[in-house]
N, C-alpha and C. Protein backbone atom coordinates (compact mmCIF):
# COMPACT_ATOMS: atom_id res chain seq x y z
N MET A 1 181.64 102.22 46.62
CA MET A 1 183.06 101.97 46.41
C MET A 1 183.53 100.94 47.43
N ALA A 2 184.35 100.02 47.00
CA ALA A 2 184.81 98.94 47.87
C ALA A 2 186.25 99.16 48.30
N ARG A 3 186.57 98.68 49.49
CA ARG A 3 187.94 98.68 49.98
C ARG A 3 188.48 97.26 49.88
N MET A 4 189.75 97.15 49.52
CA MET A 4 190.40 95.85 49.47
C MET A 4 191.25 95.71 50.73
N LEU A 5 191.10 94.60 51.43
CA LEU A 5 191.79 94.36 52.69
C LEU A 5 192.72 93.16 52.55
N ALA A 6 194.00 93.37 52.79
CA ALA A 6 194.99 92.29 52.75
C ALA A 6 195.04 91.64 54.13
N VAL A 7 194.95 90.32 54.15
CA VAL A 7 194.88 89.59 55.41
C VAL A 7 195.92 88.47 55.42
N LYS A 8 196.67 88.39 56.51
CA LYS A 8 197.59 87.28 56.76
C LYS A 8 196.88 86.38 57.77
N ALA A 9 196.54 85.18 57.36
CA ALA A 9 195.78 84.26 58.20
C ALA A 9 196.70 83.38 59.02
N GLN A 10 196.31 83.15 60.28
CA GLN A 10 197.02 82.22 61.15
C GLN A 10 196.00 81.28 61.77
N PRO A 11 195.71 80.14 61.09
CA PRO A 11 194.76 79.18 61.64
C PRO A 11 195.34 78.39 62.80
N ARG A 12 194.47 77.71 63.52
CA ARG A 12 194.84 76.89 64.68
C ARG A 12 195.61 77.68 65.73
N SER A 13 195.23 78.91 65.92
CA SER A 13 195.91 79.76 66.90
C SER A 13 195.33 79.53 68.29
N LYS A 14 196.19 79.59 69.30
CA LYS A 14 195.72 79.45 70.68
C LYS A 14 195.17 80.76 71.21
N SER A 15 195.53 81.88 70.56
CA SER A 15 195.03 83.19 71.00
C SER A 15 194.44 83.93 69.81
N PRO A 16 193.17 83.65 69.48
CA PRO A 16 192.55 84.29 68.32
C PRO A 16 192.42 85.80 68.49
N GLY A 17 192.46 86.51 67.38
CA GLY A 17 192.30 87.95 67.42
C GLY A 17 192.69 88.58 66.09
N VAL A 18 192.53 89.90 66.04
CA VAL A 18 192.84 90.67 64.84
C VAL A 18 193.87 91.72 65.20
N GLU A 19 194.89 91.84 64.38
CA GLU A 19 195.95 92.82 64.59
C GLU A 19 196.08 93.66 63.31
N GLU A 20 196.04 94.98 63.47
CA GLU A 20 196.21 95.87 62.32
C GLU A 20 197.70 96.04 62.05
N LEU A 21 198.11 95.77 60.82
CA LEU A 21 199.52 95.88 60.43
C LEU A 21 199.79 97.17 59.68
N GLY A 22 198.76 97.84 59.24
CA GLY A 22 198.89 99.07 58.47
C GLY A 22 197.54 99.39 57.86
N PRO A 23 197.49 100.41 57.01
CA PRO A 23 196.22 100.74 56.37
C PRO A 23 195.72 99.57 55.51
N ASP A 24 194.56 99.06 55.84
CA ASP A 24 193.93 97.97 55.09
C ASP A 24 194.76 96.69 55.08
N ARG A 25 195.60 96.49 56.11
CA ARG A 25 196.41 95.27 56.25
C ARG A 25 196.20 94.71 57.65
N PHE A 26 195.90 93.41 57.74
CA PHE A 26 195.57 92.79 59.02
C PHE A 26 196.20 91.42 59.15
N ARG A 27 196.44 91.02 60.40
CA ARG A 27 196.79 89.63 60.73
C ARG A 27 195.61 89.12 61.55
N VAL A 28 195.03 88.02 61.11
CA VAL A 28 193.87 87.46 61.81
C VAL A 28 194.22 86.05 62.27
N ARG A 29 194.16 85.86 63.60
CA ARG A 29 194.43 84.56 64.19
C ARG A 29 193.09 83.91 64.56
N VAL A 30 192.90 82.66 64.12
CA VAL A 30 191.65 81.95 64.39
C VAL A 30 191.94 80.56 64.94
N ARG A 31 190.98 80.01 65.66
CA ARG A 31 191.12 78.67 66.23
C ARG A 31 190.85 77.58 65.19
N ALA A 32 190.04 77.88 64.20
CA ALA A 32 189.62 76.87 63.22
C ALA A 32 190.79 76.35 62.40
N ALA A 33 190.66 75.09 61.99
CA ALA A 33 191.66 74.47 61.12
C ALA A 33 191.40 74.92 59.68
N PRO A 34 192.45 74.96 58.87
CA PRO A 34 192.28 75.40 57.48
C PRO A 34 191.76 74.27 56.58
N GLU A 35 190.55 73.83 56.87
CA GLU A 35 189.96 72.76 56.06
C GLU A 35 188.47 73.02 55.86
N LYS A 36 188.00 72.75 54.65
CA LYS A 36 186.59 72.89 54.27
C LYS A 36 186.06 74.30 54.51
N GLY A 37 186.92 75.32 54.42
CA GLY A 37 186.49 76.70 54.54
C GLY A 37 186.20 77.17 55.95
N LYS A 38 186.48 76.34 56.95
CA LYS A 38 186.18 76.71 58.34
C LYS A 38 187.00 77.91 58.78
N ALA A 39 188.29 77.92 58.48
CA ALA A 39 189.14 79.04 58.89
C ALA A 39 188.75 80.30 58.14
N ASN A 40 188.44 80.20 56.85
CA ASN A 40 188.04 81.38 56.07
C ASN A 40 186.78 82.01 56.65
N ALA A 41 185.81 81.17 57.04
CA ALA A 41 184.57 81.69 57.62
C ALA A 41 184.85 82.41 58.94
N GLU A 42 185.69 81.82 59.79
CA GLU A 42 186.01 82.46 61.07
C GLU A 42 186.81 83.74 60.85
N ILE A 43 187.69 83.75 59.86
CA ILE A 43 188.46 84.96 59.55
C ILE A 43 187.51 86.09 59.15
N ALA A 44 186.55 85.79 58.29
CA ALA A 44 185.59 86.81 57.85
C ALA A 44 184.78 87.33 59.04
N GLU A 45 184.36 86.44 59.94
CA GLU A 45 183.58 86.85 61.10
C GLU A 45 184.40 87.75 62.02
N ARG A 46 185.63 87.35 62.32
CA ARG A 46 186.47 88.15 63.22
C ARG A 46 186.84 89.50 62.60
N LEU A 47 187.15 89.50 61.32
CA LEU A 47 187.51 90.74 60.64
C LEU A 47 186.31 91.69 60.61
N ALA A 48 185.13 91.17 60.32
CA ALA A 48 183.92 91.99 60.29
C ALA A 48 183.64 92.58 61.68
N ALA A 49 183.78 91.77 62.72
CA ALA A 49 183.55 92.26 64.08
C ALA A 49 184.56 93.35 64.43
N HIS A 50 185.80 93.16 64.05
CA HIS A 50 186.85 94.15 64.32
C HIS A 50 186.55 95.47 63.62
N LEU A 51 186.03 95.39 62.40
CA LEU A 51 185.73 96.59 61.61
C LEU A 51 184.36 97.18 61.95
N GLY A 52 183.55 96.44 62.70
CA GLY A 52 182.23 96.91 63.07
C GLY A 52 181.23 96.87 61.92
N VAL A 53 181.36 95.87 61.06
CA VAL A 53 180.45 95.72 59.92
C VAL A 53 179.86 94.31 59.93
N SER A 54 178.85 94.10 59.12
CA SER A 54 178.24 92.79 58.97
C SER A 54 179.16 91.89 58.14
N PRO A 55 179.28 90.61 58.51
CA PRO A 55 180.11 89.70 57.71
C PRO A 55 179.65 89.59 56.26
N SER A 56 178.39 89.88 55.99
CA SER A 56 177.89 89.79 54.61
C SER A 56 178.49 90.87 53.72
N ARG A 57 179.08 91.90 54.31
CA ARG A 57 179.72 92.96 53.52
C ARG A 57 181.14 92.60 53.10
N LEU A 58 181.66 91.48 53.62
CA LEU A 58 183.01 91.02 53.26
C LEU A 58 182.91 89.86 52.29
N SER A 59 183.75 89.87 51.28
CA SER A 59 183.82 88.72 50.37
C SER A 59 185.28 88.41 50.09
N LEU A 60 185.59 87.12 50.05
CA LEU A 60 186.95 86.66 49.79
C LEU A 60 187.20 86.72 48.29
N VAL A 61 188.18 87.53 47.90
CA VAL A 61 188.49 87.73 46.48
C VAL A 61 189.58 86.76 46.02
N ARG A 62 190.59 86.58 46.87
CA ARG A 62 191.74 85.77 46.48
C ARG A 62 192.34 85.12 47.74
N GLY A 63 192.86 83.91 47.59
CA GLY A 63 193.60 83.27 48.67
C GLY A 63 192.81 82.28 49.49
N ALA A 64 191.79 81.66 48.92
CA ALA A 64 190.97 80.71 49.67
C ALA A 64 191.81 79.57 50.27
N ALA A 65 192.86 79.17 49.57
CA ALA A 65 193.71 78.07 50.05
C ALA A 65 195.10 78.55 50.44
N SER A 66 195.23 79.84 50.73
CA SER A 66 196.53 80.43 51.06
C SER A 66 196.43 81.16 52.39
N SER A 67 197.57 81.39 53.02
CA SER A 67 197.56 82.17 54.26
C SER A 67 197.48 83.67 53.97
N ARG A 68 197.77 84.06 52.75
CA ARG A 68 197.63 85.47 52.34
C ARG A 68 196.34 85.61 51.55
N LYS A 69 195.44 86.42 52.09
CA LYS A 69 194.11 86.55 51.51
C LYS A 69 193.80 87.99 51.17
N LEU A 70 192.87 88.17 50.26
CA LEU A 70 192.40 89.50 49.88
C LEU A 70 190.88 89.50 50.00
N PHE A 71 190.38 90.38 50.87
CA PHE A 71 188.94 90.52 51.07
C PHE A 71 188.48 91.85 50.49
N ARG A 72 187.25 91.85 49.98
CA ARG A 72 186.62 93.09 49.50
C ARG A 72 185.58 93.49 50.55
N LEU A 73 185.66 94.74 51.00
CA LEU A 73 184.67 95.29 51.93
C LEU A 73 183.78 96.24 51.15
N GLU A 74 182.51 95.88 51.02
CA GLU A 74 181.54 96.74 50.33
C GLU A 74 181.15 97.88 51.26
N THR A 75 181.27 99.09 50.78
CA THR A 75 180.93 100.26 51.60
C THR A 75 179.61 100.85 51.21
């Protein structure tokens, strides 16, 4: 069974990190610019590290070009 995680992305942040906003809701700040998937890759890495899972268990479902993203976490 998979969990869906809502993410508010903040690229080009001076203080990267992950903040829990509620159940399965996160704000992820990354240094990468939102171009060529760099920010999305860093978001997945930081979110996976925060959750204590491998980044390969996360997949971007919606929002590749948006600040509001939906990730699927395979359990």
